């Protein structure tokens, strides 16, 4: 079953990328509608929309070109709850851990970019970090190996430490203001 899911994802990405490349003036709503259609036609999970989008729209230069910021409107339209925010983190795991393994070292950069664009609530980064079990937020196990996920979590540590320290400073300045 896993192999067919991976094949279905690959086909959905190719299909979406073809559409995306030919619709450079598409609005975020058009893009989200197409992602929903593509995901449904491929019989993939709703959470796979993020992989379809990242796989079809992002390049190997995604981190250095800050493609997160470029497509902030699409992400804002896609991310309507915490579950979807966790699914976006999982899709970025897939992007850096499977689609473009050379981006593995940029995983914390992507986390910082989605944080900077206010796409993910702070607490969710810490929940993600402490959650080692595959669940509804996770990318399909056939897409990213457990070993790679462990590497990604390890590479995210400096970002999480930074985030934790930034949060403590915010708390301290709020205390001072009170």
Foldseek 3Di string as FASTA:
>chain_A
DLVLQVVLLVVLLVVLLVVCVVCVPDDLVSSLVSLVVSCVVSVHDPLSSLLSCCSRPPDLCCLVVVVCVVSVRNLVVQQDDQLSLLSNLQSLLLVCAAVPVVCLLCSLSVVVSCVVSVSHDLVSVVVSLVDLDDDSSHDPCSRGPSVSVVSSSVSNVVVNVVSVVVVVVVVVVVVVVD
